[in-house]
Amino acid sequence: MTKILLTDVEATLNLGMTLGESLAAGNVILLEGDLGAGKTTLVQGVGRGLGITEKIVSPTFTLINEYRRGRIPLYHLDLYRLEPQEVAALNLETYWEGIEVVPGIVVIEWAERMPYKPDSYLTVRLTHGHQSDGVRVGSGTEVLTVGERYAEIIPQNFSYS
């Protein structure tokens, strides 16, 4: 597990851009963290790294936003409002296996609600930083890789502090 200190919103965006530039179609990022921890900001950075110019917003009410105008598609899912049995009914594997959709990067917010996961994925766990004069200063981030697909990306590209 790699631990990263993200000192501000720009650092979170930069981490996402690194992921967007480094990952390939079929890669999955599972995001965990409290409300306001920076999950959507990280996805916005991934979009920038993919060359997506559309505004990226959280799909809290739509569940899935698809962005197809980048280097490869970005599939942004938000499971906040769902129970695990409802998540199972979504057949999420159609996205990471490229079934019925063009293969792309799949980013899932509130991934802890998933009753099953792909064989290989990257988990990014974001936590709130401390407060200084009412302003959040930094956030702790843990990056965990499952499967060999991500092993080479993490040590080489992640040095945010």
N, C-alpha and C. Protein backbone atom coordinates (compact mmCIF):
# COMPACT_ATOMS: atom_id res chain seq x y z
N MET A 1 0.84 -1.16 0.00
CA MET A 1 0.00 0.00 0.00
C MET A 1 0.90 1.24 0.00
N THR A 2 0.52 2.20 -0.83
CA THR A 2 1.24 3.46 -0.91
C THR A 2 0.43 4.53 -0.20
N LYS A 3 1.06 5.33 0.65
CA LYS A 3 0.38 6.43 1.32
C LYS A 3 0.85 7.74 0.69
N ILE A 4 -0.11 8.63 0.44
CA ILE A 4 0.16 9.89 -0.23
C ILE A 4 -0.51 11.00 0.56
N LEU A 5 0.18 12.13 0.72
CA LEU A 5 -0.44 13.30 1.31
C LEU A 5 -0.78 14.25 0.18
N LEU A 6 -2.07 14.54 0.04
CA LEU A 6 -2.52 15.50 -0.97
C LEU A 6 -2.75 16.82 -0.25
N THR A 7 -1.92 17.80 -0.53
CA THR A 7 -1.92 19.03 0.25
C THR A 7 -3.08 19.96 -0.08
N ASP A 8 -3.67 19.83 -1.28
CA ASP A 8 -4.78 20.70 -1.67
C ASP A 8 -5.53 20.09 -2.83
N VAL A 9 -6.54 20.80 -3.31
CA VAL A 9 -7.36 20.32 -4.42
C VAL A 9 -6.51 20.08 -5.67
N GLU A 10 -5.56 20.97 -5.91
CA GLU A 10 -4.69 20.83 -7.09
C GLU A 10 -3.89 19.53 -7.04
N ALA A 11 -3.42 19.15 -5.86
CA ALA A 11 -2.68 17.88 -5.72
C ALA A 11 -3.59 16.70 -6.02
N THR A 12 -4.86 16.77 -5.59
CA THR A 12 -5.82 15.70 -5.88
C THR A 12 -6.06 15.61 -7.38
N LEU A 13 -6.24 16.76 -8.03
CA LEU A 13 -6.41 16.78 -9.48
C LEU A 13 -5.18 16.20 -10.18
N ASN A 14 -3.99 16.56 -9.69
CA ASN A 14 -2.75 16.06 -10.31
C ASN A 14 -2.60 14.56 -10.17
N LEU A 15 -2.99 14.01 -9.02
CA LEU A 15 -2.98 12.56 -8.84
C LEU A 15 -3.91 11.91 -9.86
N GLY A 16 -5.12 12.47 -10.00
CA GLY A 16 -6.05 11.95 -10.99
C GLY A 16 -5.51 12.05 -12.41
N MET A 17 -4.87 13.17 -12.74
CA MET A 17 -4.30 13.32 -14.09
C MET A 17 -3.23 12.27 -14.34
N THR A 18 -2.40 11.99 -13.34
CA THR A 18 -1.39 10.95 -13.49
C THR A 18 -2.04 9.61 -13.79
N LEU A 19 -3.11 9.32 -13.08
CA LEU A 19 -3.83 8.07 -13.35
C LEU A 19 -4.40 8.06 -14.76
N GLY A 20 -5.05 9.15 -15.16
CA GLY A 20 -5.64 9.23 -16.49
C GLY A 20 -4.61 9.08 -17.60
N GLU A 21 -3.42 9.60 -17.38
CA GLU A 21 -2.36 9.50 -18.38
C GLU A 21 -1.72 8.12 -18.40
N SER A 22 -1.76 7.40 -17.27
CA SER A 22 -1.02 6.15 -17.11
C SER A 22 -1.84 4.89 -17.35
N LEU A 23 -3.12 4.94 -17.03
CA LEU A 23 -3.93 3.73 -17.08
C LEU A 23 -4.44 3.46 -18.49
N ALA A 24 -4.88 2.24 -18.70
CA ALA A 24 -5.34 1.79 -20.02
C ALA A 24 -6.78 1.31 -19.94
N ALA A 25 -7.36 1.10 -21.09
CA ALA A 25 -8.72 0.57 -21.17
C ALA A 25 -8.80 -0.73 -20.39
N GLY A 26 -9.87 -0.88 -19.63
CA GLY A 26 -10.07 -2.07 -18.81
C GLY A 26 -9.61 -1.90 -17.38
N ASN A 27 -8.90 -0.79 -17.10
CA ASN A 27 -8.45 -0.53 -15.73
C ASN A 27 -9.62 -0.04 -14.89
N VAL A 28 -9.60 -0.39 -13.61
CA VAL A 28 -10.67 -0.04 -12.69
C VAL A 28 -10.07 0.65 -11.47
N ILE A 29 -10.67 1.80 -11.10
CA ILE A 29 -10.29 2.51 -9.89
C ILE A 29 -11.49 2.50 -8.96
N LEU A 30 -11.31 1.97 -7.77
CA LEU A 30 -12.36 1.94 -6.76
C LEU A 30 -12.06 3.02 -5.74
N LEU A 31 -12.98 3.97 -5.57
CA LEU A 31 -12.78 5.09 -4.67
C LEU A 31 -13.57 4.89 -3.39
N GLU A 32 -12.92 5.13 -2.27
CA GLU A 32 -13.55 5.04 -0.96
C GLU A 32 -13.24 6.31 -0.20
N GLY A 33 -14.15 6.72 0.68
CA GLY A 33 -13.92 7.90 1.51
C GLY A 33 -15.23 8.59 1.84
N ASP A 34 -15.19 9.41 2.87
CA ASP A 34 -16.38 10.12 3.32
C ASP A 34 -16.81 11.17 2.31
N LEU A 35 -18.01 11.70 2.52
CA LEU A 35 -18.49 12.82 1.71
C LEU A 35 -17.49 13.96 1.80
N GLY A 36 -17.17 14.56 0.67
CA GLY A 36 -16.27 15.70 0.65
C GLY A 36 -14.80 15.37 0.77
N ALA A 37 -14.44 14.10 0.68
CA ALA A 37 -13.03 13.72 0.82
C ALA A 37 -12.23 13.95 -0.45
N GLY A 38 -12.90 14.16 -1.60
CA GLY A 38 -12.18 14.45 -2.83
C GLY A 38 -12.33 13.42 -3.93
N LYS A 39 -13.29 12.52 -3.79
CA LYS A 39 -13.46 11.46 -4.79
C LYS A 39 -13.78 12.02 -6.18
N THR A 40 -14.76 12.91 -6.26
CA THR A 40 -15.13 13.47 -7.57
C THR A 40 -14.00 14.34 -8.11
N THR A 41 -13.30 15.04 -7.26
CA THR A 41 -12.15 15.85 -7.71
C THR A 41 -11.10 14.95 -8.34
N LEU A 42 -10.86 13.80 -7.75
CA LEU A 42 -9.90 12.85 -8.31
C LEU A 42 -10.36 12.39 -9.69
N VAL A 43 -11.66 12.11 -9.84
CA VAL A 43 -12.20 11.68 -11.14
C VAL A 43 -12.05 12.80 -12.17
N GLN A 44 -12.24 14.04 -11.76
CA GLN A 44 -12.05 15.17 -12.66
C GLN A 44 -10.61 15.20 -13.17
N GLY A 45 -9.67 14.89 -12.30
CA GLY A 45 -8.27 14.80 -12.71
C GLY A 45 -8.03 13.67 -13.69
N VAL A 46 -8.66 12.52 -13.44
CA VAL A 46 -8.55 11.38 -14.37
C VAL A 46 -9.04 11.82 -15.75
N GLY A 47 -10.18 12.51 -15.77
CA GLY A 47 -10.71 13.01 -17.04
C GLY A 47 -9.73 13.92 -17.75
N ARG A 48 -9.12 14.83 -17.01
CA ARG A 48 -8.11 15.72 -17.61
C ARG A 48 -6.96 14.91 -18.20
N GLY A 49 -6.52 13.91 -17.45
CA GLY A 49 -5.42 13.06 -17.93
C GLY A 49 -5.78 12.29 -19.19
N LEU A 50 -7.06 12.05 -19.38
CA LEU A 50 -7.54 11.35 -20.58
C LEU A 50 -7.83 12.33 -21.72
N GLY A 51 -7.72 13.62 -21.45
CA GLY A 51 -8.01 14.62 -22.48
C GLY A 51 -9.49 14.93 -22.63
N ILE A 52 -10.29 14.63 -21.62
CA ILE A 52 -11.72 14.89 -21.66
C ILE A 52 -11.95 16.36 -21.31
N THR A 53 -12.67 17.07 -22.16
CA THR A 53 -12.92 18.50 -21.92
C THR A 53 -14.30 18.76 -21.35
N GLU A 54 -15.18 17.76 -21.37
CA GLU A 54 -16.51 17.92 -20.77
C GLU A 54 -16.38 18.12 -19.27
N LYS A 55 -17.35 18.82 -18.67
CA LYS A 55 -17.37 18.97 -17.22
C LYS A 55 -17.73 17.62 -16.59
N ILE A 56 -16.91 17.18 -15.66
CA ILE A 56 -17.15 15.91 -14.97
C ILE A 56 -17.80 16.21 -13.64
N VAL A 57 -18.99 15.63 -13.46
CA VAL A 57 -19.75 15.83 -12.23
C VAL A 57 -20.08 14.47 -11.62
N SER A 58 -20.38 14.47 -10.35
CA SER A 58 -20.72 13.23 -9.67
C SER A 58 -22.06 12.70 -10.17
N PRO A 59 -22.11 11.41 -10.52
CA PRO A 59 -23.37 10.81 -10.97
C PRO A 59 -24.22 10.27 -9.82
N THR A 60 -24.30 11.02 -8.73
CA THR A 60 -25.03 10.54 -7.56
C THR A 60 -26.46 10.14 -7.88
N PHE A 61 -27.13 10.91 -8.71
CA PHE A 61 -28.53 10.61 -9.01
C PHE A 61 -28.70 9.82 -10.30
N THR A 62 -27.74 9.89 -11.21
CA THR A 62 -27.84 9.16 -12.48
C THR A 62 -27.13 7.80 -12.41
N LEU A 63 -26.34 7.57 -11.41
CA LEU A 63 -25.55 6.36 -11.16
C LEU A 63 -24.31 6.24 -12.05
N ILE A 64 -24.45 6.50 -13.36
CA ILE A 64 -23.32 6.31 -14.28
C ILE A 64 -23.26 7.48 -15.26
N ASN A 65 -22.08 8.11 -15.35
CA ASN A 65 -21.82 9.10 -16.39
C ASN A 65 -20.76 8.52 -17.31
N GLU A 66 -21.00 8.60 -18.59
CA GLU A 66 -20.05 8.11 -19.58
C GLU A 66 -19.45 9.28 -20.34
N TYR A 67 -18.13 9.32 -20.40
CA TYR A 67 -17.41 10.36 -21.12
C TYR A 67 -16.59 9.66 -22.21
N ARG A 68 -16.93 9.91 -23.45
CA ARG A 68 -16.33 9.17 -24.56
C ARG A 68 -15.41 10.01 -25.44
N ARG A 69 -15.20 11.27 -25.09
CA ARG A 69 -14.42 12.15 -25.96
C ARG A 69 -13.00 12.39 -25.45
N GLY A 70 -12.35 11.36 -24.98
CA GLY A 70 -10.98 11.44 -24.53
C GLY A 70 -10.15 10.38 -25.23
N ARG A 71 -8.94 10.20 -24.74
CA ARG A 71 -8.05 9.17 -25.30
C ARG A 71 -8.73 7.81 -25.31
N ILE A 72 -9.40 7.49 -24.23
CA ILE A 72 -10.26 6.30 -24.12
C ILE A 72 -11.46 6.72 -23.28
N PRO A 73 -12.55 5.97 -23.33
CA PRO A 73 -13.73 6.35 -22.54
C PRO A 73 -13.48 6.29 -21.04
N LEU A 74 -14.21 7.12 -20.31
CA LEU A 74 -14.21 7.12 -18.86
C LEU A 74 -15.64 6.83 -18.41
N TYR A 75 -15.79 5.80 -17.58
CA TYR A 75 -17.08 5.43 -17.02
C TYR A 75 -17.02 5.74 -15.52
N HIS A 76 -17.82 6.71 -15.10
CA HIS A 76 -17.81 7.22 -13.73
C HIS A 76 -19.11 6.78 -13.05
N LEU A 77 -18.99 5.94 -12.04
CA LEU A 77 -20.15 5.41 -11.34
C LEU A 77 -20.14 5.88 -9.89
N ASP A 78 -21.32 6.09 -9.35
CA ASP A 78 -21.47 6.52 -7.96
C ASP A 78 -22.52 5.63 -7.30
N LEU A 79 -22.10 4.88 -6.30
CA LEU A 79 -22.98 3.90 -5.65
C LEU A 79 -23.53 4.39 -4.31
N TYR A 80 -23.38 5.67 -4.03
CA TYR A 80 -23.74 6.23 -2.72
C TYR A 80 -25.17 5.89 -2.30
N ARG A 81 -26.11 5.98 -3.18
CA ARG A 81 -27.52 5.82 -2.83
C ARG A 81 -28.02 4.38 -2.93
N LEU A 82 -27.11 3.44 -3.15
CA LEU A 82 -27.54 2.06 -3.38
C LEU A 82 -27.13 1.12 -2.24
N GLU A 83 -27.92 0.09 -2.07
CA GLU A 83 -27.61 -1.00 -1.15
C GLU A 83 -26.85 -2.07 -1.95
N PRO A 84 -26.05 -2.91 -1.29
CA PRO A 84 -25.27 -3.92 -2.02
C PRO A 84 -26.08 -4.78 -2.99
N GLN A 85 -27.31 -5.18 -2.61
CA GLN A 85 -28.10 -6.01 -3.52
C GLN A 85 -28.50 -5.23 -4.77
N GLU A 86 -28.71 -3.91 -4.64
CA GLU A 86 -29.02 -3.08 -5.81
C GLU A 86 -27.79 -2.94 -6.70
N VAL A 87 -26.62 -2.87 -6.09
CA VAL A 87 -25.37 -2.77 -6.85
C VAL A 87 -25.15 -4.05 -7.66
N ALA A 88 -25.43 -5.19 -7.04
CA ALA A 88 -25.25 -6.48 -7.74
C ALA A 88 -26.11 -6.54 -8.99
N ALA A 89 -27.30 -5.95 -8.94
CA ALA A 89 -28.21 -5.98 -10.09
C ALA A 89 -27.74 -5.10 -11.25
N LEU A 90 -26.76 -4.23 -11.02
CA LEU A 90 -26.27 -3.35 -12.08
C LEU A 90 -25.36 -4.06 -13.08
N ASN A 91 -24.87 -5.24 -12.73
CA ASN A 91 -23.94 -5.98 -13.60
C ASN A 91 -22.76 -5.12 -14.00
N LEU A 92 -22.06 -4.59 -13.02
CA LEU A 92 -20.94 -3.67 -13.26
C LEU A 92 -19.83 -4.27 -14.11
N GLU A 93 -19.72 -5.59 -14.10
CA GLU A 93 -18.66 -6.22 -14.88
C GLU A 93 -18.78 -5.92 -16.37
N THR A 94 -19.96 -5.53 -16.83
CA THR A 94 -20.09 -5.16 -18.25
C THR A 94 -19.19 -3.98 -18.59
N TYR A 95 -18.90 -3.13 -17.60
CA TYR A 95 -18.01 -1.99 -17.83
C TYR A 95 -16.55 -2.41 -17.80
N TRP A 96 -16.11 -3.14 -16.77
CA TRP A 96 -14.68 -3.45 -16.72
C TRP A 96 -14.30 -4.60 -17.65
N GLU A 97 -15.25 -5.38 -18.11
CA GLU A 97 -14.94 -6.42 -19.10
C GLU A 97 -15.18 -5.94 -20.53
N GLY A 98 -15.72 -4.73 -20.69
CA GLY A 98 -15.96 -4.19 -22.03
C GLY A 98 -17.07 -4.91 -22.77
N ILE A 99 -18.07 -5.40 -22.03
CA ILE A 99 -19.20 -6.09 -22.65
C ILE A 99 -20.27 -5.04 -22.95
N GLU A 100 -20.66 -4.90 -24.18
CA GLU A 100 -21.68 -3.96 -24.63
C GLU A 100 -21.26 -2.50 -24.53
N VAL A 101 -20.03 -2.21 -24.11
CA VAL A 101 -19.49 -0.85 -24.10
C VAL A 101 -18.07 -0.89 -24.64
N VAL A 102 -17.63 0.24 -25.17
CA VAL A 102 -16.23 0.35 -25.61
C VAL A 102 -15.36 0.30 -24.36
N PRO A 103 -14.32 -0.54 -24.33
CA PRO A 103 -13.48 -0.61 -23.13
C PRO A 103 -12.90 0.76 -22.78
N GLY A 104 -12.88 1.06 -21.51
CA GLY A 104 -12.35 2.32 -21.02
C GLY A 104 -11.89 2.17 -19.58
N ILE A 105 -11.64 3.30 -18.93
CA ILE A 105 -11.30 3.30 -17.51
C ILE A 105 -12.61 3.42 -16.73
N VAL A 106 -12.76 2.57 -15.73
CA VAL A 106 -13.96 2.56 -14.89
C VAL A 106 -13.57 3.08 -13.52
N VAL A 107 -14.25 4.16 -13.08
CA VAL A 107 -14.00 4.72 -11.75
C VAL A 107 -15.30 4.64 -10.97
N ILE A 108 -15.24 4.02 -9.80
CA ILE A 108 -16.45 3.79 -9.01
C ILE A 108 -16.31 4.44 -7.64
N GLU A 109 -17.17 5.46 -7.38
CA GLU A 109 -17.22 6.10 -6.07
C GLU A 109 -18.09 5.25 -5.15
N TRP A 110 -17.73 5.24 -3.87
CA TRP A 110 -18.43 4.46 -2.86
C TRP A 110 -18.33 2.96 -3.15
N ALA A 111 -17.14 2.54 -3.56
CA ALA A 111 -16.90 1.14 -3.95
C ALA A 111 -17.07 0.17 -2.79
N GLU A 112 -17.03 0.67 -1.57
CA GLU A 112 -17.23 -0.23 -0.43
C GLU A 112 -18.62 -0.84 -0.42
N ARG A 113 -19.52 -0.34 -1.25
CA ARG A 113 -20.89 -0.88 -1.35
C ARG A 113 -20.98 -2.03 -2.36
N MET A 114 -19.86 -2.34 -3.01
CA MET A 114 -19.87 -3.40 -4.03
C MET A 114 -19.82 -4.78 -3.38
N PRO A 115 -20.73 -5.67 -3.74
CA PRO A 115 -20.69 -7.03 -3.19
C PRO A 115 -19.64 -7.90 -3.89
N TYR A 116 -19.12 -7.46 -5.04
CA TYR A 116 -18.08 -8.19 -5.75
C TYR A 116 -17.20 -7.17 -6.47
N LYS A 117 -15.98 -7.59 -6.79
CA LYS A 117 -15.02 -6.69 -7.43
C LYS A 117 -14.36 -7.40 -8.59
N PRO A 118 -13.73 -6.63 -9.48
CA PRO A 118 -13.00 -7.27 -10.58
C PRO A 118 -11.77 -8.01 -10.05
N ASP A 119 -11.13 -8.78 -10.91
CA ASP A 119 -9.93 -9.53 -10.51
C ASP A 119 -8.75 -8.60 -10.24
N SER A 120 -8.71 -7.48 -10.94
CA SER A 120 -7.60 -6.55 -10.84
C SER A 120 -8.15 -5.14 -10.74
N TYR A 121 -7.67 -4.36 -9.77
CA TYR A 121 -8.16 -3.00 -9.59
C TYR A 121 -7.21 -2.20 -8.72
N LEU A 122 -7.46 -0.92 -8.71
CA LEU A 122 -6.71 0.03 -7.89
C LEU A 122 -7.71 0.65 -6.93
N THR A 123 -7.45 0.56 -5.64
CA THR A 123 -8.32 1.22 -4.66
C THR A 123 -7.63 2.48 -4.19
N VAL A 124 -8.36 3.60 -4.21
CA VAL A 124 -7.86 4.85 -3.66
C VAL A 124 -8.80 5.23 -2.53
N ARG A 125 -8.25 5.26 -1.32
CA ARG A 125 -9.02 5.57 -0.12
C ARG A 125 -8.63 6.98 0.33
N LEU A 126 -9.57 7.92 0.22
CA LEU A 126 -9.31 9.31 0.57
C LEU A 126 -9.89 9.63 1.93
N THR A 127 -9.15 10.38 2.73
CA THR A 127 -9.63 10.82 4.03
C THR A 127 -9.46 12.33 4.15
N HIS A 128 -10.31 12.94 4.96
CA HIS A 128 -10.23 14.38 5.18
C HIS A 128 -8.93 14.75 5.86
N GLY A 129 -8.39 15.89 5.46
CA GLY A 129 -7.23 16.44 6.15
C GLY A 129 -7.69 17.19 7.39
N HIS A 130 -6.76 17.82 8.06
CA HIS A 130 -7.11 18.58 9.26
C HIS A 130 -7.53 20.00 8.88
N GLN A 131 -8.16 20.67 9.81
CA GLN A 131 -8.64 22.04 9.59
C GLN A 131 -7.63 23.05 10.12
N SER A 132 -7.40 24.12 9.38
CA SER A 132 -6.56 25.22 9.82
C SER A 132 -7.29 26.51 9.49
N ASP A 133 -7.75 27.22 10.51
CA ASP A 133 -8.52 28.45 10.32
C ASP A 133 -9.74 28.21 9.42
N GLY A 134 -10.41 27.07 9.62
CA GLY A 134 -11.62 26.77 8.87
C GLY A 134 -11.38 26.24 7.47
N VAL A 135 -10.12 26.08 7.07
CA VAL A 135 -9.80 25.59 5.73
C VAL A 135 -9.16 24.21 5.87
N ARG A 136 -9.62 23.29 5.04
CA ARG A 136 -9.06 21.94 5.08
C ARG A 136 -7.64 21.97 4.52
N VAL A 137 -6.72 21.39 5.25
CA VAL A 137 -5.32 21.35 4.83
C VAL A 137 -4.92 19.91 4.59
N GLY A 138 -4.78 19.55 3.35
CA GLY A 138 -4.31 18.22 3.01
C GLY A 138 -5.31 17.13 3.30
N SER A 139 -5.13 16.03 2.64
CA SER A 139 -5.93 14.85 2.93
C SER A 139 -5.02 13.65 2.80
N GLY A 140 -5.30 12.66 3.61
CA GLY A 140 -4.53 11.44 3.52
C GLY A 140 -5.13 10.54 2.46
N THR A 141 -4.28 9.88 1.73
CA THR A 141 -4.74 9.00 0.67
C THR A 141 -3.94 7.72 0.73
N GLU A 142 -4.64 6.61 0.66
CA GLU A 142 -3.98 5.31 0.57
C GLU A 142 -4.32 4.71 -0.78
N VAL A 143 -3.31 4.19 -1.45
CA VAL A 143 -3.51 3.55 -2.75
C VAL A 143 -3.13 2.09 -2.61
N LEU A 144 -4.06 1.22 -2.94
CA LEU A 144 -3.85 -0.22 -2.84
C LEU A 144 -4.09 -0.84 -4.21
N THR A 145 -3.16 -1.66 -4.66
CA THR A 145 -3.32 -2.32 -5.94
C THR A 145 -3.65 -3.79 -5.72
N VAL A 146 -4.57 -4.30 -6.52
CA VAL A 146 -4.91 -5.72 -6.50
C VAL A 146 -4.73 -6.24 -7.91
N GLY A 147 -3.86 -7.19 -8.07
CA GLY A 147 -3.54 -7.72 -9.40
C GLY A 147 -2.26 -7.06 -9.93
N GLU A 148 -1.63 -7.70 -10.87
CA GLU A 148 -0.34 -7.24 -11.38
C GLU A 148 -0.45 -6.04 -12.31
N ARG A 149 -1.61 -5.77 -12.84
CA ARG A 149 -1.82 -4.75 -13.84
C ARG A 149 -1.33 -3.37 -13.41
N TYR A 150 -1.39 -3.06 -12.11
CA TYR A 150 -1.09 -1.72 -11.61
C TYR A 150 0.26 -1.62 -10.91
N ALA A 151 0.91 -2.72 -10.68
CA ALA A 151 2.12 -2.75 -9.87
C ALA A 151 3.21 -1.81 -10.36
N GLU A 152 3.36 -1.66 -11.66
CA GLU A 152 4.43 -0.82 -12.19
C GLU A 152 4.07 0.66 -12.17
N ILE A 153 2.81 1.00 -12.18
CA ILE A 153 2.40 2.40 -12.24
C ILE A 153 2.61 3.10 -10.90
N ILE A 154 2.23 2.48 -9.84
CA ILE A 154 2.21 3.15 -8.54
C ILE A 154 3.60 3.60 -8.07
N PRO A 155 4.61 2.75 -7.99
CA PRO A 155 5.87 3.24 -7.47
C PRO A 155 6.54 4.30 -8.34
N GLN A 156 6.33 4.26 -9.64
CA GLN A 156 7.02 5.18 -10.54
C GLN A 156 6.38 6.56 -10.57
N ASN A 157 5.08 6.66 -10.46
CA ASN A 157 4.40 7.93 -10.73
C ASN A 157 3.85 8.66 -9.53
N PHE A 158 3.87 8.09 -8.37
CA PHE A 158 3.18 8.71 -7.25
C PHE A 158 4.15 9.31 -6.24
N SER A 159 4.27 10.61 -6.27
CA SER A 159 5.14 11.31 -5.32
C SER A 159 4.53 12.66 -4.97
N TYR A 160 3.29 12.65 -4.50
CA TYR A 160 2.60 13.88 -4.14
C TYR A 160 2.71 14.10 -2.64
N SER A 161 3.25 15.21 -2.25
CA SER A 161 3.31 15.54 -0.83
C SER A 161 3.45 17.02 -0.63
